[in-house]
Protein backbone atom coordinates (compact mmCIF):
# COMPACT_ATOMS: atom_id res chain seq x y z
CA MET A 1 -5.24 -27.53 -19.43
CA PRO A 2 -2.62 -26.41 -16.89
CA ASP A 3 0.58 -24.90 -18.17
CA ALA A 4 3.11 -27.68 -18.73
CA SER A 5 6.11 -25.38 -18.46
CA PRO A 6 8.62 -26.35 -15.75
CA ARG A 7 8.32 -24.77 -12.35
CA THR A 8 10.65 -21.99 -11.39
CA PRO A 9 12.89 -22.72 -8.41
CA ARG A 10 11.35 -22.02 -5.01
CA LYS A 11 12.40 -18.58 -3.74
CA ILE A 12 13.58 -18.37 -0.15
CA SER A 13 12.46 -14.73 -0.02
CA TRP A 14 8.78 -15.71 -0.06
CA ASP A 15 9.36 -18.33 2.63
CA VAL A 16 11.11 -15.76 4.83
CA LEU A 17 8.18 -13.35 4.47
CA ARG A 18 5.64 -16.05 5.32
CA VAL A 19 7.56 -17.18 8.38
CA VAL A 20 8.10 -13.62 9.64
CA ALA A 21 4.42 -12.79 9.11
CA VAL A 22 3.04 -15.92 10.77
CA PHE A 23 5.38 -15.58 13.76
CA ALA A 24 4.36 -11.92 14.08
CA VAL A 25 0.76 -13.14 14.29
CA MET A 26 1.65 -15.81 16.85
CA LEU A 27 3.74 -13.53 19.07
CA GLY A 28 1.11 -10.81 18.97
CA HIS A 29 -1.64 -13.20 19.98
CA VAL A 30 0.35 -14.96 22.71
CA THR A 31 2.09 -11.99 24.33
CA HIS A 32 -0.47 -9.21 23.81
CA GLN A 33 -3.94 -10.35 22.76
CA GLY A 34 -3.94 -13.24 25.22
CA ALA A 35 -3.57 -10.90 28.19
CA LEU A 36 -6.44 -8.73 26.93
CA LEU A 37 -8.76 -11.73 26.77
CA HIS A 38 -7.41 -13.50 29.86
CA PRO A 39 -5.76 -11.06 32.30
CA GLU A 40 -3.85 -13.81 34.09
CA LEU A 41 -1.80 -14.62 30.97
CA VAL A 42 0.96 -12.11 31.62
CA GLY A 43 4.61 -12.25 32.64
CA TYR A 44 6.20 -12.76 29.23
CA PRO A 45 9.66 -11.22 28.70
CA PHE A 46 8.27 -8.91 25.98
CA ARG A 47 5.03 -7.98 24.23
CA VAL A 48 4.43 -7.73 20.50
CA THR A 49 1.78 -5.04 20.20
CA ALA A 50 1.86 -4.59 16.40
CA GLN A 51 -0.76 -6.14 14.16
CA PHE A 52 0.23 -6.71 10.54
CA GLY A 53 1.07 -10.40 10.05
CA ALA A 54 -2.31 -11.72 8.90
CA ALA A 55 -2.75 -8.81 6.47
CA ILE A 56 0.66 -9.50 4.91
CA LEU A 57 -0.17 -13.19 4.57
CA LEU A 58 -3.30 -12.20 2.65
CA VAL A 59 -1.23 -9.87 0.42
CA ILE A 60 1.10 -12.77 -0.40
CA SER A 61 -1.89 -15.02 -0.98
CA ALA A 62 -3.39 -12.55 -3.48
CA PHE A 63 -0.06 -12.27 -5.30
CA PHE A 64 0.12 -16.03 -5.77
CA VAL A 65 -3.53 -16.25 -6.78
CA CYS A 66 -2.51 -14.37 -9.93
CA ALA A 67 0.63 -16.45 -10.40
CA SER A 68 -1.23 -19.77 -10.14
CA LEU A 69 -4.65 -18.97 -11.61
CA ARG A 70 -3.19 -17.90 -14.95
CA LYS A 71 -1.71 -21.41 -15.39
CA GLY A 72 -4.89 -23.46 -15.16
CA GLU A 73 -8.65 -23.75 -15.56
CA PRO A 74 -10.45 -21.58 -12.97
CA ARG A 75 -12.86 -24.22 -11.63
CA ARG A 76 -10.06 -26.72 -11.23
CA TRP A 77 -7.92 -24.07 -9.55
CA LEU A 78 -10.71 -23.13 -7.13
CA TRP A 79 -11.32 -26.76 -6.16
CA ASN A 80 -7.59 -27.12 -5.51
CA ARG A 81 -7.75 -24.24 -3.02
CA VAL A 82 -10.93 -25.43 -1.33
CA ALA A 83 -9.53 -28.96 -1.01
CA ARG A 84 -6.44 -27.55 0.66
CA LEU A 85 -8.04 -24.99 2.98
CA VAL A 86 -11.29 -26.48 4.20
CA PRO A 87 -10.48 -30.01 5.48
CA ALA A 88 -7.62 -28.83 7.69
CA TYR A 89 -9.79 -25.99 8.96
CA LEU A 90 -12.67 -28.33 9.85
CA VAL A 91 -10.35 -30.65 11.76
CA ALA A 92 -8.80 -27.68 13.58
CA VAL A 93 -12.29 -26.46 14.56
CA ALA A 94 -13.30 -29.88 15.91
CA VAL A 95 -10.07 -30.32 17.89
CA THR A 96 -10.21 -26.79 19.27
CA TYR A 97 -13.82 -27.25 20.35
CA VAL A 98 -13.18 -30.49 22.24
CA VAL A 99 -10.01 -29.18 23.92
CA ALA A 100 -11.67 -25.85 24.74
CA ARG A 101 -14.73 -27.55 26.28
CA TYR A 102 -12.53 -29.60 28.61
CA ALA A 103 -10.09 -26.82 29.45
CA THR A 104 -12.56 -23.97 29.99
CA ILE A 105 -14.78 -26.03 32.27
CA ARG A 106 -11.71 -27.00 34.31
CA PHE A 107 -10.30 -23.46 34.33
CA SER A 108 -13.64 -22.09 35.52
CA GLY A 109 -13.80 -24.59 38.38
CA LEU A 110 -17.09 -26.12 37.23
CA PRO A 111 -18.24 -29.76 37.24
CA PHE A 112 -18.43 -31.61 33.93
CA PRO A 113 -21.96 -32.37 32.72
CA PRO A 114 -22.60 -36.15 32.76
CA GLY A 115 -22.09 -38.33 29.68
CA LEU A 116 -20.37 -37.71 26.38
CA SER A 117 -23.17 -35.54 25.02
CA GLY A 118 -23.18 -33.60 28.28
CA PHE A 119 -19.44 -33.03 28.04
CA LEU A 120 -19.68 -31.88 24.42
CA PHE A 121 -22.87 -29.83 24.55
CA GLY A 122 -24.20 -29.64 28.10
CA VAL A 123 -24.30 -26.60 30.36
CA PRO A 124 -22.12 -26.94 33.50
CA GLN A 125 -24.11 -26.29 36.66
CA GLY A 126 -23.21 -23.90 39.44
CA PRO A 127 -21.28 -20.66 39.69
CA PRO A 128 -17.62 -20.73 38.60
CA SER A 129 -15.16 -20.99 41.46
CA ASP A 130 -12.32 -19.36 39.55
CA PRO A 131 -12.17 -15.54 39.78
CA SER A 132 -11.33 -15.37 36.06
CA PRO A 133 -13.72 -17.87 34.41
CA TRP A 134 -13.28 -18.66 30.74
CA TYR A 135 -16.07 -18.65 28.17
CA ILE A 136 -17.28 -22.23 27.61
CA PRO A 137 -18.05 -22.88 23.92
CA THR A 138 -21.44 -24.29 22.98
CA GLY A 139 -22.81 -26.51 20.24
CA ALA A 140 -24.03 -23.41 18.42
CA ASP A 141 -20.45 -22.11 18.41
CA LEU A 142 -19.25 -25.40 16.94
CA LEU A 143 -21.82 -25.35 14.12
CA ALA A 144 -21.17 -21.68 13.35
CA ASN A 145 -17.42 -22.21 13.16
CA LEU A 146 -17.75 -25.33 11.02
CA GLY A 147 -19.98 -23.32 8.66
CA MET A 148 -17.65 -20.27 8.78
CA VAL A 149 -20.55 -17.95 9.66
CA GLN A 150 -19.19 -16.67 12.99
CA GLU A 151 -19.04 -13.08 11.76
CA TRP A 152 -22.77 -13.12 11.00
CA GLY A 153 -23.92 -13.89 14.54
CA TRP A 154 -21.51 -12.87 17.28
CA ARG A 155 -22.75 -9.26 17.42
CA TYR A 156 -26.22 -10.64 18.22
CA GLU A 157 -24.73 -13.09 20.78
CA LEU A 158 -26.00 -16.06 18.76
CA PHE A 159 -22.59 -17.76 18.63
CA TYR A 160 -18.93 -16.86 18.89
CA TYR A 161 -15.56 -17.56 17.33
CA LEU A 162 -13.84 -20.64 18.75
CA ASP A 163 -10.57 -19.06 17.64
CA GLY A 164 -10.11 -15.43 16.70
CA ALA A 165 -7.78 -16.35 13.83
CA TYR A 166 -10.57 -18.10 11.93
CA TRP A 167 -11.84 -14.84 10.40
CA THR A 168 -9.44 -15.17 7.48
CA LEU A 169 -10.89 -18.42 6.09
CA PRO A 170 -14.29 -17.16 4.84
CA VAL A 171 -12.64 -13.95 3.61
CA GLN A 172 -10.17 -15.96 1.55
CA LEU A 173 -12.81 -18.29 0.16
CA ILE A 174 -14.89 -15.30 -0.96
CA ALA A 175 -11.81 -13.77 -2.61
CA PHE A 176 -10.81 -17.04 -4.31
CA THR A 177 -14.34 -17.58 -5.64
CA ALA A 178 -14.46 -14.03 -6.99
CA ALA A 179 -11.06 -14.51 -8.66
CA ALA A 180 -12.14 -17.77 -10.30
CA LEU A 181 -15.36 -16.15 -11.60
CA LEU A 182 -13.71 -12.97 -12.91
CA TRP A 183 -10.50 -14.40 -14.36
CA PRO A 184 -11.78 -15.90 -17.66
CA ARG A 185 -14.04 -12.96 -18.62
CA ARG A 186 -13.27 -11.33 -21.98
CA TRP A 187 -14.24 -7.88 -20.72
CA ARG A 188 -11.51 -8.05 -18.07
CA THR A 189 -9.13 -5.61 -19.79
CA HIS A 190 -6.01 -4.25 -18.12
CA ARG A 191 -7.56 -0.81 -17.62
CA LEU A 192 -10.70 -2.30 -16.11
CA THR A 193 -8.64 -4.55 -13.83
CA VAL A 194 -6.65 -1.60 -12.49
CA GLY A 195 -9.86 0.35 -11.97
CA LEU A 196 -11.34 -2.58 -10.06
CA LEU A 197 -8.26 -2.70 -7.81
CA TRP A 198 -8.67 0.96 -6.94
CA ALA A 199 -12.36 0.34 -6.24
CA LEU A 200 -11.46 -2.47 -3.84
CA ILE A 201 -9.41 0.01 -1.81
CA LEU A 202 -11.60 3.12 -2.03
CA VAL A 203 -15.20 1.85 -2.07
CA PRO A 204 -15.05 0.11 1.35
CA LEU A 205 -13.53 3.28 2.83
CA PHE A 206 -16.27 5.38 1.26
CA LEU A 207 -18.93 3.09 2.70
CA ARG A 208 -17.41 3.02 6.16
CA PHE A 209 -16.48 6.68 6.61
CA VAL A 210 -18.76 8.63 4.25
CA VAL A 211 -21.98 6.66 3.80
CA PHE A 212 -21.81 5.49 7.42
CA ASP A 213 -20.03 6.66 10.55
CA PRO A 214 -17.86 4.21 12.56
CA VAL A 215 -19.32 5.62 15.77
CA SER A 216 -22.96 5.03 14.84
CA THR A 217 -22.92 2.33 12.16
CA PRO A 218 -25.97 0.06 12.55
CA LYS A 219 -25.21 -3.43 13.78
CA LEU A 220 -26.71 -5.00 10.64
CA VAL A 221 -24.49 -2.89 8.37
CA GLU A 222 -21.40 -3.86 10.38
CA THR A 223 -22.38 -7.50 10.10
CA PHE A 224 -22.58 -7.35 6.30
CA TYR A 225 -19.46 -5.18 6.03
CA TYR A 226 -17.30 -7.58 8.01
CA GLY A 227 -19.10 -10.73 6.91
CA LEU A 228 -18.31 -9.98 3.27
CA GLY A 229 -14.71 -9.15 4.15
CA LEU A 230 -14.92 -5.54 2.93
CA HIS A 231 -12.61 -4.46 5.76
CA ARG A 232 -9.78 -6.50 4.20
CA VAL A 233 -10.26 -6.36 0.42
CA HIS A 234 -7.54 -3.71 0.15
CA VAL A 235 -4.90 -6.35 0.99
CA PHE A 236 -6.04 -8.46 -1.96
CA ALA A 237 -5.97 -5.38 -4.17
CA ILE A 238 -2.38 -4.51 -3.28
CA GLY A 239 -1.28 -8.13 -3.72
CA ILE A 240 -2.69 -8.15 -7.26
CA ALA A 241 -1.20 -4.72 -7.99
CA ILE A 242 2.25 -5.91 -6.92
CA TRP A 243 1.88 -8.95 -9.20
CA LEU A 244 1.00 -6.68 -12.15
CA TRP A 245 4.03 -4.54 -11.33
CA ALA A 246 6.27 -7.60 -11.09
CA LYS A 247 5.09 -8.59 -14.59
CA ARG A 248 5.93 -5.08 -15.92
CA ARG A 249 2.25 -4.33 -16.44
CA LEU A 250 2.11 -1.51 -13.90
CA ALA A 251 4.43 1.51 -13.72
CA HIS A 252 6.63 2.26 -10.72
CA TRP A 253 4.71 5.41 -9.83
CA HIS A 254 1.42 3.56 -10.05
CA VAL A 255 2.43 0.72 -7.74
CA ALA A 256 3.85 3.34 -5.34
CA LEU A 257 0.40 4.97 -5.21
CA PHE A 258 -1.15 1.56 -4.58
CA VAL A 259 1.25 0.91 -1.71
CA LEU A 260 0.51 4.29 -0.11
CA ALA A 261 -3.23 3.77 -0.53
CA ALA A 262 -3.07 0.26 0.92
CA CYS A 263 -1.12 1.49 3.95
CA ALA A 264 -3.67 4.24 4.54
CA ALA A 265 -6.57 1.80 4.08
CA GLN A 266 -5.00 -0.68 6.49
CA ASP A 267 -4.60 2.00 9.15
CA LEU A 268 -8.17 3.27 8.70
CA GLN A 269 -9.74 -0.18 8.69
CA VAL A 270 -7.87 -1.43 11.76
CA PHE A 271 -8.15 1.88 13.64
CA PRO A 272 -11.41 3.48 12.42
CA PHE A 273 -11.48 5.85 15.39
CA HIS A 274 -7.94 7.05 14.50
CA GLN A 275 -6.56 5.75 17.77
CA ALA A 276 -6.11 2.37 19.44
CA MET A 277 -9.02 1.23 21.59
CA PRO A 278 -8.38 -0.73 24.83
CA ASN A 279 -8.58 -4.10 23.04
CA ASP A 280 -6.60 -2.99 19.97
CA PRO A 281 -2.92 -3.41 19.13
CA GLU A 282 -0.80 -0.26 19.11
CA ARG A 283 -1.45 1.92 16.09
CA TRP A 284 1.95 3.14 14.90
CA PRO A 285 3.88 -0.14 15.32
CA SER A 286 1.08 -1.82 13.35
CA ALA A 287 1.13 0.78 10.56
CA ILE A 288 4.93 0.84 10.31
CA GLY A 289 5.19 -2.95 10.43
CA PHE A 290 2.63 -3.31 7.63
CA ALA A 291 4.41 -0.71 5.48
CA ILE A 292 7.85 -2.31 5.93
CA MET A 293 6.53 -5.79 5.18
CA LEU A 294 4.72 -4.47 2.09
CA LEU A 295 7.97 -3.01 0.78
CA LEU A 296 9.68 -6.35 1.40
CA VAL A 297 6.91 -8.07 -0.57
CA CYS A 298 7.71 -5.71 -3.45
CA LEU A 299 11.40 -6.62 -3.22
CA ALA A 300 10.58 -10.33 -3.22
CA ALA A 301 8.20 -9.93 -6.17
CA ARG A 302 10.56 -8.16 -8.53
CA GLY A 303 14.04 -8.38 -7.07
CA PRO A 304 16.51 -11.26 -6.93
CA ASP A 305 16.04 -14.09 -4.47
CA TRP A 306 17.48 -13.52 -1.01
CA ARG A 307 20.29 -16.04 -1.21
CA PHE A 308 22.50 -14.42 1.40
CA PRO A 309 25.26 -16.53 2.98
CA GLY A 310 23.72 -16.61 6.46
CA LEU A 311 20.20 -17.11 5.14
CA SER A 312 21.27 -20.00 2.92
CA ARG A 313 22.35 -21.97 5.98
CA ILE A 314 18.91 -21.79 7.56
CA ALA A 315 16.99 -22.03 4.28
CA PRO A 316 15.81 -25.65 4.88
CA ALA A 317 14.36 -24.71 8.29
CA VAL A 318 12.71 -21.58 6.89
CA THR A 319 11.21 -23.53 3.99
CA TRP A 320 9.92 -26.21 6.36
CA LEU A 321 8.29 -23.63 8.61
CA ALA A 322 6.75 -21.88 5.60
CA GLY A 323 5.37 -25.21 4.47
CA ILE A 324 3.50 -25.78 7.73
CA SER A 325 2.56 -22.14 8.33
CA TYR A 326 -1.10 -22.59 7.40
CA GLY A 327 -1.37 -25.31 10.02
CA LEU A 328 0.51 -23.07 12.45
CA TYR A 329 -1.99 -20.30 11.84
CA LEU A 330 -4.93 -22.63 12.47
CA VAL A 331 -3.80 -24.01 15.83
CA HIS A 332 -1.73 -21.34 17.54
CA GLN A 333 -4.22 -18.92 19.09
CA GLU A 334 -6.96 -20.46 21.26
CA LEU A 335 -5.05 -23.69 21.85
CA GLY A 336 -2.03 -21.53 22.69
CA TYR A 337 -4.02 -19.62 25.30
CA ILE A 338 -5.21 -22.88 26.82
CA LEU A 339 -1.68 -24.30 26.99
CA ALA A 340 -0.40 -21.02 28.46
CA ARG A 341 -3.04 -21.15 31.21
CA ALA A 342 -2.26 -24.82 31.95
CA LEU A 343 1.45 -23.99 32.23
CA LEU A 344 0.62 -21.01 34.43
CA ASN A 345 -1.35 -23.31 36.74
CA LEU A 346 1.77 -25.48 37.02
CA GLY A 347 3.83 -22.45 38.02
CA VAL A 348 5.83 -22.15 34.78
CA PRO A 349 7.26 -18.60 34.51
CA GLY A 350 6.58 -16.42 31.50
CA TRP A 351 10.09 -16.59 30.06
CA LEU A 352 9.76 -20.38 29.77
CA ARG A 353 6.03 -20.42 28.99
CA LEU A 354 6.50 -18.43 25.78
CA PRO A 355 8.94 -20.83 24.00
CA LEU A 356 6.88 -23.81 25.16
CA VAL A 357 3.70 -22.35 23.65
CA LEU A 358 5.50 -21.50 20.40
CA ALA A 359 7.07 -24.97 20.19
CA ALA A 360 3.68 -26.59 20.78
CA ALA A 361 2.18 -24.46 18.01
CA VAL A 362 4.92 -25.60 15.62
CA LEU A 363 4.30 -29.21 16.57
CA GLY A 364 0.54 -28.81 16.15
CA GLY A 365 1.00 -27.00 12.85
CA TRP A 366 3.19 -29.81 11.55
CA ALA A 367 0.69 -32.45 12.72
CA ILE A 368 -2.30 -30.88 10.97
CA THR A 369 -0.24 -30.19 7.83
CA ALA A 370 1.26 -33.67 7.54
CA GLY A 371 -1.75 -35.55 8.89
CA VAL A 372 -4.66 -33.68 7.31
CA GLU A 373 -3.90 -30.81 4.95
CA ARG A 374 -1.54 -32.49 2.48
CA PRO A 375 -2.90 -36.06 2.33
CA VAL A 376 -6.56 -34.98 2.14
CA HIS A 377 -5.70 -32.41 -0.52
CA ARG A 378 -3.90 -35.05 -2.59
CA TRP A 379 -6.81 -37.47 -2.22
CA LEU A 380 -9.52 -34.95 -3.10
CA THR A 381 -7.74 -33.47 -6.11
CA ALA A 382 -6.55 -36.82 -7.48
CA ARG A 383 -10.04 -38.32 -7.00
CA ARG A 384 -11.69 -35.46 -8.85
CA ASP A 385 -9.11 -35.62 -11.62
CA ARG A 386 -9.51 -39.38 -12.09
CA ARG A 387 -13.18 -38.85 -12.91
CA LYS A 388 -12.16 -36.54 -15.75
CA THR A 389 -8.88 -38.11 -16.92
CA PRO A 390 -8.54 -41.65 -15.51
CA GLY A 391 -5.07 -42.64 -14.45
CA LYS A 392 -3.67 -39.11 -14.44
CA PRO A 393 -3.58 -37.41 -11.02
CA GLN A 394 -4.07 -33.68 -10.84
CA VAL A 395 -1.07 -33.09 -8.60
CA LYS A 396 2.12 -34.96 -7.98
CA ASP A 397 2.94 -33.19 -4.79
CA SER A 398 1.32 -30.61 -2.62
CA GLU A 399 2.48 -27.12 -1.80
CA PRO A 400 1.44 -24.86 1.07
CA VAL A 401 -1.53 -22.63 0.30
CA SER A 402 -3.20 -19.42 1.46
CA VAL A 403 -2.87 -17.80 4.85
CA GLY A 404 0.43 -19.01 6.11
CA GLY A 405 1.50 -20.50 2.79
CA ALA A 406 1.81 -20.02 -0.91
CA SER A 407 -1.30 -19.84 -3.01
């Protein structure tokens, strides 16, 4: 049975970290990554070239996996997470596909295939009239994204990501499933747990840089490496290590080693050639940003809450944004590019285009959170609980979860 002890008050420090991380992701995608994918999307007043936000969100997610999993039954806990993550993701995929089909055909200057099925799945005829045509998603892309198997086929040009941000969902589901399976085991001693955390950091590096070479790694090996999320397991390891440290189960020197190892692993995994490639973010801003945010996570985990006078005034807004940040993460990237291109076609300058795209992402994030994520999660968890304990819902209210939210 879940722990009946009262909840501790919500800490503004965690909400601040989530909001900073998710806006770092959004600004990096809109101002930097967008121009790499679509060269016409330039003219913003600044560029955010650092990449660390998604990794920090996964660190926070891993921390709260420990905090929440210890209070309940693992299978029930896992269903709670799946019920929260997956429905909103599936709706975001469907909406993105339909909007992207319409927008990319228009942006490329092609005629729409006849009929509804033609619009959704047909191949537009003729050469594109626009000098910078956009990739038009296909039915295979839709199915692959709904099944979260994009990473297993794009290298072979079988299908592609509808939105580059979607890579985190299968990685998280794999991590959550592993946590639910490992948590109740009697052999899971403290020493073995710490050893497993070190293995999560070091073994993927050994595979990538010793067993194989980043320059000549076979395509099949890369597919399995990324498909299983081995390039990001270090962020889950450091999140768990920080939780152990916050509970006084890990010494200061030991968590310091974990932080240093996680920073090194992050740099090596994001920049395996030890320098930024043309389509990469900048290396040192990314490494420094990740390290600073990791230290702030440590302060939030073990230090007092950040109830500063100025921060207290904006705490309701920060908490609200943190609450919709998973929805924000789902809808900001590809739909943001499409909106940016539409605004560009209308002649909107970059300094105005940027706040409009960010505001639209906030609105879309709120819509998918309030309209899909929370109500569907309540319905699925309460329905499952009624079958086991009639008349007693599993949850009274819903809280944000996973990438972009608490876990």
